[in-house]
Each structure stands twice: as C-alpha cells, then as structure tokens.
Amino acid sequence: MIDLYTWPTPNGRKISIALEEFELDYVVHPINIGKDEQFTEAFLAISPNNKIPAIVDQDGGRSLMESGAILIYLAEKHDRFWGDDRYVTLEWLMLQMGGVGPMLGQAHHFLKFNAGKAPYAEARYAAEAKRLYKVLDARLRDVEYLSGTYSIADMATWPWISRYEWQGIDWKDYPDLKRWYLAIADRPPVQKGYDVPMYVNDIPRPD
C-alpha cells in the first residue's frame, strides 16, 4: 500500500497516473496547496521542500518527495515502464524535470495568471514553450513514445502538455506531439489518475 500526498496539478498527476499504470494500491491524501497545507509540519516530515507530490511506501516505510525520484523508484522497484532503453528514458525524464515542467510552469504564471503585467516575461516563456513543443514533436516524429515504448518519461511529460490551453499553443505546428498526446489521453489508467484527488475538468482534447 502506498500513501499518496497530492493535488490536481501536472506534478501531482504524474504520480497518480503512474500508480494507476503500475496497478498499485494506494490511499490518497489531498494536500490543498491553495490553503497552504503543504507547509504543515506533518507534510514537511514527508516532503522537506513543501511540494507535492510525495509518497510513503508502507512496504519498508520509505517516504519520497519529488515526482522524478518517485517515478524512478516505482520503475526500479517493479521493473516496469523503462521504455526501450533505460538511459533514453532517463534522458527524456530529465528534460521534463529540468525543462518542460519549470518552463511551462513559468508560462502558466505569466501567460495565464498574470497576463499583461510583464510583456518581456510573457514573450520569453511563450517562446520557450513553443521551443520545447518543437523538441518533443521532433522526437515523436521518429518514435511512438519518448523512449520508443511507453515509459515513465511519458507519464512525467504528458500532464504538463495537458495544460496546452494555458501555453498559447497552436497544435497544427506539432502533429506528432498531438498524436502522442491523444494516444496517452485515451489510456484508462491516465483517465483515472487524472481525476486524483478529485475531478476538476475533463481531459482537454485538441481538435
């Protein structure tokens, strides 16, 4: 049994989707970041950086913070979802951790929530979002999934792309990424994990 501490954000959805894909039993503990519940002492003991998601694996009592570390832990423990090549999977997982997540997160901050306040920042992060989409689209021109077959790299990246409406993206420029996005959106474990810890909206689907 795994205790999952999460909220319906791209980072949180990475792990609820992964737990569904790995077919693991888990209990959900919502951490309402809008009410600063991530700053409680109880959660700090599990996640010293005060960020969701975090897990406690009751098999051994191990706690883990940081979504990338959790995904690697699950893949290693259960020897699943490594794609065609372990190191290629780690390459694309690290791109998500170091590029896709942080940069698209900044795009959300400036383009969605603070539009009109910082034109330079809006232009910068809109351009970086499009650059990253181009990188992913080029990769997916040659392979079905980021590491050939479906892997933790796809589980990590897809929830960030699912907020494309916040990023000013024109899907006609990224046909292979769109094909990948819709294929993952159709997976039942993804659909179930997307609604953890609660339903917020249907999975967005580009026309």
Protein backbone atom coordinates (compact mmCIF):
# COMPACT_ATOMS: atom_id res chain seq x y z
CA MET A 1 0.00 0.00 0.00
CA ILE A 2 1.23 3.49 -0.88
CA ASP A 3 0.11 6.74 0.71
CA LEU A 4 -0.04 9.46 -1.95
CA TYR A 5 0.03 13.11 -0.93
CA THR A 6 -1.07 15.17 -3.90
CA TRP A 7 -3.18 17.88 -5.52
CA PRO A 8 -4.52 18.11 -9.12
CA THR A 9 -1.53 19.81 -10.72
CA PRO A 10 0.70 18.50 -13.51
CA ASN A 11 3.29 17.31 -10.99
CA GLY A 12 0.66 15.68 -8.82
CA ARG A 13 -0.98 13.95 -11.76
CA LYS A 14 2.31 12.39 -12.81
CA ILE A 15 2.22 10.15 -9.77
CA SER A 16 -1.47 9.34 -9.60
CA ILE A 17 -1.27 8.35 -13.28
CA ALA A 18 1.85 6.27 -12.58
CA LEU A 19 0.24 4.46 -9.65
CA GLU A 20 -2.69 3.57 -11.90
CA GLU A 21 -0.35 2.43 -14.69
CA PHE A 22 1.69 0.31 -12.27
CA GLU A 23 -1.59 -1.13 -10.92
CA LEU A 24 -0.63 -0.39 -7.31
CA ASP A 25 -2.91 0.02 -4.32
CA TYR A 26 -2.77 3.50 -2.86
CA VAL A 27 -4.56 5.82 -0.47
CA VAL A 28 -4.94 9.48 -1.45
CA HIS A 29 -4.23 12.29 0.99
CA PRO A 30 -5.22 15.61 -0.62
CA ILE A 31 -2.84 18.48 0.15
CA ASN A 32 -4.69 21.68 -0.70
CA ILE A 33 -1.94 23.99 -1.88
CA GLY A 34 -4.45 26.82 -2.18
CA LYS A 35 -4.82 26.68 1.60
CA ASP A 36 -1.04 26.27 2.22
CA GLU A 37 -1.47 22.74 3.55
CA GLN A 38 1.93 21.91 2.04
CA PHE A 39 3.52 23.96 4.83
CA THR A 40 2.20 21.91 7.74
CA GLU A 41 4.72 20.17 9.98
CA ALA A 42 3.19 16.79 9.21
CA PHE A 43 3.71 17.22 5.47
CA LEU A 44 7.17 18.74 5.98
CA ALA A 45 8.23 15.46 7.60
CA ILE A 46 7.43 13.69 4.32
CA SER A 47 8.39 16.40 1.82
CA PRO A 48 11.12 18.71 3.17
CA ASN A 49 10.71 21.02 0.15
CA ASN A 50 6.99 21.53 0.93
CA LYS A 51 5.99 20.42 -2.56
CA ILE A 52 3.52 17.85 -3.79
CA PRO A 53 3.55 15.05 -4.75
CA ALA A 54 5.07 12.82 -2.11
CA ILE A 55 4.57 9.18 -1.22
CA VAL A 56 5.05 6.85 1.70
CA ASP A 57 5.53 3.24 0.63
CA GLN A 58 4.29 1.14 3.53
CA ASP A 59 6.42 -1.73 2.25
CA GLY A 60 9.50 -0.70 4.20
CA GLY A 61 8.16 2.67 5.29
CA ARG A 62 10.11 4.68 2.72
CA SER A 63 8.96 8.24 2.04
CA LEU A 64 9.86 10.07 -1.15
CA MET A 65 9.39 13.60 -2.41
CA GLU A 66 9.99 14.96 -5.94
CA SER A 67 8.00 13.43 -8.77
CA GLY A 68 11.02 12.35 -10.83
CA ALA A 69 12.52 10.46 -7.91
CA ILE A 70 9.18 8.79 -7.22
CA LEU A 71 8.82 7.67 -10.84
CA ILE A 72 12.34 6.20 -10.88
CA TYR A 73 11.66 4.45 -7.57
CA LEU A 74 8.47 2.86 -8.89
CA ALA A 75 10.12 1.79 -12.16
CA GLU A 76 13.08 0.25 -10.34
CA LYS A 77 11.02 -1.48 -7.67
CA HIS A 78 8.56 -3.01 -10.13
CA ASP A 79 10.88 -3.23 -13.17
CA ARG A 80 8.32 -1.75 -15.50
CA PHE A 81 7.87 1.23 -17.82
CA TRP A 82 11.54 1.68 -18.72
CA GLY A 83 10.75 2.09 -22.43
CA ASP A 84 13.09 0.58 -24.98
CA ASP A 85 16.25 1.89 -23.29
CA ARG A 86 16.68 2.84 -19.63
CA TYR A 87 19.05 5.72 -20.29
CA VAL A 88 16.99 7.16 -23.12
CA THR A 89 14.02 7.09 -20.74
CA LEU A 90 16.08 8.93 -18.13
CA GLU A 91 17.18 11.49 -20.73
CA TRP A 92 13.60 12.43 -21.54
CA LEU A 93 12.54 12.26 -17.91
CA MET A 94 15.31 14.71 -17.03
CA LEU A 95 14.22 17.00 -19.86
CA GLN A 96 10.80 17.09 -18.28
CA MET A 97 12.21 17.74 -14.82
CA GLY A 98 14.68 20.42 -15.91
CA GLY A 99 12.91 21.96 -18.90
CA VAL A 100 9.30 21.09 -19.67
CA GLY A 101 8.00 21.41 -16.11
CA PRO A 102 9.83 24.55 -14.97
CA MET A 103 9.46 26.44 -18.25
CA LEU A 104 5.82 25.60 -18.85
CA GLY A 105 5.17 26.42 -15.22
CA GLN A 106 6.58 29.89 -15.85
CA ALA A 107 4.41 30.16 -18.96
CA HIS A 108 1.38 29.42 -16.79
CA HIS A 109 2.42 32.07 -14.28
CA PHE A 110 2.89 34.85 -16.82
CA LEU A 111 0.51 33.93 -19.65
CA LYS A 112 -2.42 32.51 -17.68
CA PHE A 113 -2.39 34.14 -14.27
CA ASN A 114 -0.58 37.45 -14.79
CA ALA A 115 -1.29 38.38 -18.39
CA GLY A 116 -0.37 41.95 -19.28
CA LYS A 117 1.86 42.54 -16.26
CA ALA A 118 5.25 41.55 -17.69
CA PRO A 119 5.42 41.64 -21.51
CA TYR A 120 9.07 40.57 -21.63
CA ALA A 121 8.44 37.53 -19.43
CA GLU A 122 5.32 36.62 -21.38
CA ALA A 123 7.23 36.71 -24.67
CA ARG A 124 10.17 34.79 -23.19
CA TYR A 125 8.17 31.90 -21.76
CA ALA A 126 5.74 31.70 -24.68
CA ALA A 127 8.73 31.30 -26.99
CA GLU A 128 10.31 28.70 -24.71
CA ALA A 129 7.06 26.73 -24.54
CA LYS A 130 6.94 26.61 -28.33
CA ARG A 131 10.61 25.60 -28.50
CA LEU A 132 10.03 22.71 -26.09
CA TYR A 133 6.95 21.59 -28.02
CA LYS A 134 9.12 21.59 -31.14
CA VAL A 135 11.75 19.43 -29.42
CA LEU A 136 9.12 16.92 -28.31
CA ASP A 137 7.40 16.93 -31.70
CA ALA A 138 10.70 16.23 -33.47
CA ARG A 139 11.44 13.33 -31.15
CA LEU A 140 7.99 11.84 -31.66
CA ARG A 141 8.34 12.05 -35.43
CA ASP A 142 10.61 9.00 -35.18
CA VAL A 143 9.19 7.04 -32.25
CA GLU A 144 5.76 6.22 -30.86
CA TYR A 145 6.64 7.30 -27.33
CA LEU A 146 9.55 9.27 -25.91
CA SER A 147 11.62 6.16 -25.24
CA GLY A 148 10.21 4.05 -28.04
CA THR A 149 7.62 2.27 -25.93
CA TYR A 150 5.51 3.84 -23.18
CA SER A 151 7.56 4.78 -20.12
CA ILE A 152 7.82 6.92 -17.01
CA ALA A 153 9.14 9.70 -19.27
CA ASP A 154 5.75 9.86 -20.98
CA MET A 155 3.93 9.77 -17.64
CA ALA A 156 6.02 12.72 -16.47
CA THR A 157 5.65 14.83 -19.59
CA TRP A 158 2.03 14.28 -20.57
CA PRO A 159 0.38 16.12 -17.62
CA TRP A 160 2.29 19.30 -18.48
CA ILE A 161 1.20 19.10 -22.11
CA SER A 162 -2.39 18.59 -20.93
CA ARG A 163 -2.37 22.27 -19.96
CA TYR A 164 -1.61 23.38 -23.51
CA GLU A 165 -4.56 25.80 -23.33
CA TRP A 166 -2.57 27.85 -20.80
CA GLN A 167 0.51 27.93 -23.03
CA GLY A 168 -0.74 29.59 -26.24
CA ILE A 169 -0.06 26.52 -28.37
CA ASP A 170 -1.27 26.07 -31.96
CA TRP A 171 -1.45 22.31 -32.45
CA LYS A 172 -1.12 22.47 -36.23
CA ASP A 173 2.59 23.08 -35.66
CA TYR A 174 3.07 19.87 -33.63
CA PRO A 175 1.26 16.96 -35.35
CA ASP A 176 3.40 14.18 -33.91
CA LEU A 177 3.18 15.53 -30.40
CA LYS A 178 -0.59 15.78 -30.85
CA ARG A 179 -0.78 12.13 -31.92
CA TRP A 180 1.22 11.13 -28.81
CA TYR A 181 -0.87 13.35 -26.54
CA LEU A 182 -4.19 11.90 -27.70
CA ALA A 183 -2.93 8.30 -27.54
CA ILE A 184 -1.97 8.78 -23.89
CA ALA A 185 -5.20 10.64 -23.13
CA ASP A 186 -7.09 7.54 -24.29
CA ARG A 187 -5.38 5.24 -21.78
CA PRO A 188 -7.81 4.21 -18.99
CA PRO A 189 -5.16 4.48 -16.21
CA VAL A 190 -4.37 8.03 -17.37
CA GLN A 191 -8.04 8.95 -17.35
CA LYS A 192 -8.43 7.56 -13.83
CA GLY A 193 -5.23 9.11 -12.49
CA TYR A 194 -6.07 12.50 -13.98
CA ASP A 195 -9.03 12.83 -11.60
CA VAL A 196 -6.98 12.28 -8.41
CA PRO A 197 -7.53 13.55 -5.77
CA MET A 198 -10.75 14.87 -7.29
CA TYR A 199 -12.37 15.66 -10.61
CA VAL A 200 -11.57 19.17 -11.83
CA ASN A 201 -12.25 19.04 -15.56
CA ASP A 202 -12.39 16.64 -18.47
CA ILE A 203 -9.04 15.92 -20.07
CA PRO A 204 -8.54 18.66 -22.68
CA ARG A 205 -8.52 17.32 -26.22
CA PRO A 206 -7.25 19.45 -29.14
CA ASP A 207 -9.42 19.50 -32.26
